[in-house]
């Protein structure tokens, strides 16, 4: 199968990051703070399962032997933008005050629910010693990079799974909202009946 051509947006992103990709910098433990966006090579321990050998990871937390993060490569472009928009919206005050983003799993779980293997747990010692630390003002450009390197799954299959999960989550939310409306209506009817019986 022929490799898909890059869109203009993807090409612009690659051009913006080419120097950083060609000359990755040494990664320190302190670089992996919540809200940091880092691209690195990853040597998965369990190679029987599909994984991305070059994650674009938004760090949610790092403790002991592991780093928890959102790997944007597991999402198609439109979903990447939607998730990033949600994160930026949650951080309006921090951005205005020039502070780092406040990001952890609790704050973003509603944004990534249903998106399959988007939230990933990485073994620290299997993360490459060098990588690309994305400046915060370049986050939107970075999420359009065609830098994924999937092993055991194609990018299109990974994105299809994310889209299917996203659609299923939307259906579940709609069903739950409909059920809440029905429950509220029934509760009001019972209340009205109780008031009428008292008269």
Protein backbone atom coordinates (compact mmCIF):
# COMPACT_ATOMS: atom_id res chain seq x y z
CA UNK A 1 0.00 0.00 0.00
CA UNK A 2 1.34 3.44 -0.96
CA UNK A 3 2.18 5.72 1.91
CA UNK A 4 -0.27 8.58 2.31
CA UNK A 5 1.08 11.98 1.32
CA UNK A 6 1.46 14.54 4.07
CA UNK A 7 -1.14 17.29 4.22
CA UNK A 8 0.09 20.88 4.10
CA UNK A 9 -0.56 21.17 7.83
CA UNK A 10 1.55 18.07 8.51
CA UNK A 11 4.32 19.35 6.24
CA UNK A 12 4.34 22.72 8.03
CA UNK A 13 4.60 20.91 11.37
CA UNK A 14 7.48 18.77 10.13
CA UNK A 15 9.31 21.82 8.79
CA UNK A 16 8.87 23.57 12.16
CA UNK A 17 10.31 20.62 14.09
CA UNK A 18 12.90 19.27 11.65
CA UNK A 19 15.91 20.70 13.50
CA UNK A 20 14.68 19.40 16.85
CA UNK A 21 13.93 15.97 15.40
CA UNK A 22 17.33 15.76 13.70
CA UNK A 23 19.14 16.90 16.87
CA UNK A 24 17.23 15.54 19.88
CA UNK A 25 18.29 16.76 23.31
CA UNK A 26 19.17 14.75 26.39
CA UNK A 27 16.09 14.05 28.49
CA UNK A 28 16.21 14.62 32.25
CA UNK A 29 13.83 13.37 34.92
CA UNK A 30 12.77 16.98 35.53
CA UNK A 31 11.60 17.28 31.90
CA UNK A 32 8.75 14.85 32.59
CA UNK A 33 6.48 17.15 34.58
CA UNK A 34 2.67 17.06 34.13
CA UNK A 35 1.76 19.07 31.05
CA UNK A 36 5.10 18.59 29.25
CA UNK A 37 4.85 17.36 25.65
CA UNK A 38 7.78 15.14 24.70
CA UNK A 39 8.56 12.92 21.72
CA UNK A 40 10.97 10.05 22.30
CA UNK A 41 11.79 6.57 21.08
CA UNK A 42 10.31 3.74 23.12
CA UNK A 43 11.36 0.09 23.31
CA UNK A 44 8.27 -1.71 24.61
CA UNK A 45 8.85 -4.61 26.97
CA UNK A 46 5.86 -6.62 25.70
CA UNK A 47 6.30 -6.76 21.94
CA UNK A 48 3.36 -9.14 21.47
CA UNK A 49 1.05 -6.13 21.84
CA UNK A 50 0.77 -3.23 19.40
CA UNK A 51 2.67 -0.12 20.43
CA UNK A 52 4.09 3.15 19.13
CA UNK A 53 7.87 3.14 18.96
CA UNK A 54 7.99 6.94 18.89
CA UNK A 55 5.35 8.37 21.26
CA UNK A 56 4.30 12.01 21.29
CA UNK A 57 3.52 12.02 24.98
CA UNK A 58 1.71 14.67 27.02
CA UNK A 59 2.88 13.80 30.52
CA UNK A 60 0.14 13.25 33.10
CA UNK A 61 2.44 12.05 35.86
CA UNK A 62 5.73 10.33 36.60
CA UNK A 63 6.49 8.25 39.65
CA UNK A 64 8.90 5.45 40.48
CA UNK A 65 9.48 3.34 37.39
CA UNK A 66 6.71 4.67 35.16
CA UNK A 67 5.44 7.70 33.22
CA UNK A 68 1.73 8.08 32.54
CA UNK A 69 0.80 10.13 29.50
CA UNK A 70 -1.47 10.77 26.53
CA UNK A 71 0.11 9.60 23.28
CA UNK A 72 -1.41 11.82 20.60
CA UNK A 73 -0.25 9.44 17.89
CA UNK A 74 -3.12 7.06 18.75
CA UNK A 75 -5.65 9.69 17.62
CA UNK A 76 -6.50 11.06 14.15
CA UNK A 77 -5.86 14.78 13.67
CA UNK A 78 -9.35 16.08 14.46
CA UNK A 79 -9.49 14.20 17.74
CA UNK A 80 -6.00 15.44 18.65
CA UNK A 81 -7.22 19.00 18.19
CA UNK A 82 -10.37 18.33 20.23
CA UNK A 83 -8.39 16.90 23.14
CA UNK A 84 -5.81 19.69 23.02
CA UNK A 85 -8.60 22.30 22.84
CA UNK A 86 -10.13 20.79 25.97
CA UNK A 87 -6.81 20.84 27.82
CA UNK A 88 -6.17 24.47 26.85
CA UNK A 89 -9.70 25.45 27.87
CA UNK A 90 -9.12 23.91 31.30
CA UNK A 91 -5.93 25.98 31.60
CA UNK A 92 -7.16 29.44 30.54
CA UNK A 93 -6.11 31.00 33.85
CA UNK A 94 -2.68 29.34 33.85
CA UNK A 95 -2.04 30.44 30.27
CA UNK A 96 -3.01 34.05 31.03
CA UNK A 97 -0.70 34.05 34.05
CA UNK A 98 2.18 32.44 32.14
CA UNK A 99 2.11 29.31 34.33
CA UNK A 100 2.61 25.69 33.34
CA UNK A 101 -0.45 23.68 32.34
CA UNK A 102 -2.30 21.84 35.10
CA UNK A 103 -2.75 18.38 33.65
CA UNK A 104 -3.36 14.99 35.27
CA UNK A 105 -5.55 12.00 34.57
CA UNK A 106 -8.44 13.31 36.70
CA UNK A 107 -8.59 16.58 34.73
CA UNK A 108 -8.46 14.98 31.29
CA UNK A 109 -10.29 11.65 31.70
CA UNK A 110 -13.54 13.06 30.28
CA UNK A 111 -11.62 14.27 27.20
CA UNK A 112 -10.05 10.89 26.44
CA UNK A 113 -12.77 8.51 27.66
CA UNK A 114 -13.59 5.97 24.96
CA UNK A 115 -10.47 6.70 22.91
CA UNK A 116 -8.94 3.26 23.31
CA UNK A 117 -5.20 3.06 24.08
CA UNK A 118 -4.60 6.83 24.12
CA UNK A 119 -3.57 6.98 27.78
CA UNK A 120 -0.37 4.95 28.11
CA UNK A 121 1.90 3.83 30.93
CA UNK A 122 5.58 3.87 29.90
CA UNK A 123 8.47 2.16 31.65
CA UNK A 124 11.00 4.90 32.34
CA UNK A 125 14.10 2.81 31.67
CA UNK A 126 12.75 1.89 28.22
CA UNK A 127 12.36 5.53 27.17
CA UNK A 128 15.22 6.76 24.96
CA UNK A 129 17.80 9.01 26.68
CA UNK A 130 17.26 11.69 24.01
CA UNK A 131 14.10 13.22 22.61
CA UNK A 132 12.27 16.36 21.54
CA UNK A 133 10.88 18.62 24.26
CA UNK A 134 8.10 20.61 22.61
CA UNK A 135 7.79 24.29 23.61
CA UNK A 136 4.26 25.02 24.87
CA UNK A 137 3.62 27.55 22.10
CA UNK A 138 4.25 24.78 19.55
CA UNK A 139 1.87 22.19 21.02
CA UNK A 140 -0.73 22.59 18.27
CA UNK A 141 1.89 22.26 15.54
CA UNK A 142 3.40 19.20 17.24
CA UNK A 143 0.15 17.24 17.33
CA UNK A 144 0.02 17.37 13.53
CA UNK A 145 3.42 15.71 13.11
CA UNK A 146 3.41 12.43 11.18
CA UNK A 147 6.01 11.02 13.53
CA UNK A 148 4.22 7.87 14.73
CA UNK A 149 6.00 4.53 14.38
CA UNK A 150 3.45 1.83 15.14
CA UNK A 151 4.53 -1.76 15.67
CA UNK A 152 1.90 -4.48 15.30
CA UNK A 153 -0.83 -2.12 14.04
CA UNK A 154 -1.21 0.39 11.24
CA UNK A 155 -1.83 4.06 11.96
CA UNK A 156 -5.18 3.87 10.15
CA UNK A 157 -6.28 0.89 12.29
CA UNK A 158 -5.20 2.67 15.49
CA UNK A 159 -7.12 5.79 14.48
CA UNK A 160 -10.19 3.76 13.48
CA UNK A 161 -10.24 2.18 16.94
CA UNK A 162 -10.02 5.63 18.56
CA UNK A 163 -12.86 6.95 16.39
CA UNK A 164 -15.04 3.89 17.14
CA UNK A 165 -14.45 4.31 20.86
CA UNK A 166 -15.18 8.03 20.61
CA UNK A 167 -18.47 7.38 18.79
CA UNK A 168 -19.48 4.72 21.33
CA UNK A 169 -18.72 7.12 24.18
CA UNK A 170 -20.89 9.80 22.56
CA UNK A 171 -23.77 7.30 22.24
CA UNK A 172 -23.40 6.32 25.90
CA UNK A 173 -23.47 9.97 26.96
CA UNK A 174 -26.57 10.63 24.84
CA UNK A 175 -28.34 7.56 26.28
CA UNK A 176 -27.43 8.59 29.84
CA UNK A 177 -28.72 12.13 29.22
CA UNK A 178 -31.98 10.77 27.80
CA UNK A 179 -32.39 8.45 30.79
CA UNK A 180 -31.79 11.32 33.24
CA UNK A 181 -34.52 13.34 31.49
CA UNK A 182 -36.93 10.40 31.74
CA UNK A 183 -36.07 9.88 35.42
CA UNK A 184 -36.59 13.59 36.15
CA UNK A 185 -39.93 13.56 34.34
CA UNK A 186 -41.09 10.47 36.24
CA UNK A 187 -39.95 11.96 39.55
CA UNK A 188 -41.88 15.16 38.83
CA UNK A 189 -44.98 13.14 37.90
CA UNK A 190 -44.78 11.24 41.20
CA UNK A 191 -44.37 14.50 43.08
CA UNK A 192 -47.34 16.06 41.31
CA UNK A 193 -49.46 12.98 42.03
CA UNK A 194 -48.46 13.05 45.72
CA UNK A 195 -49.48 16.73 45.97
CA UNK A 196 -52.78 16.02 44.23
CA UNK A 197 -53.55 13.05 46.56
CA UNK A 198 -52.98 15.29 49.59
CA UNK A 199 -55.74 17.68 48.50
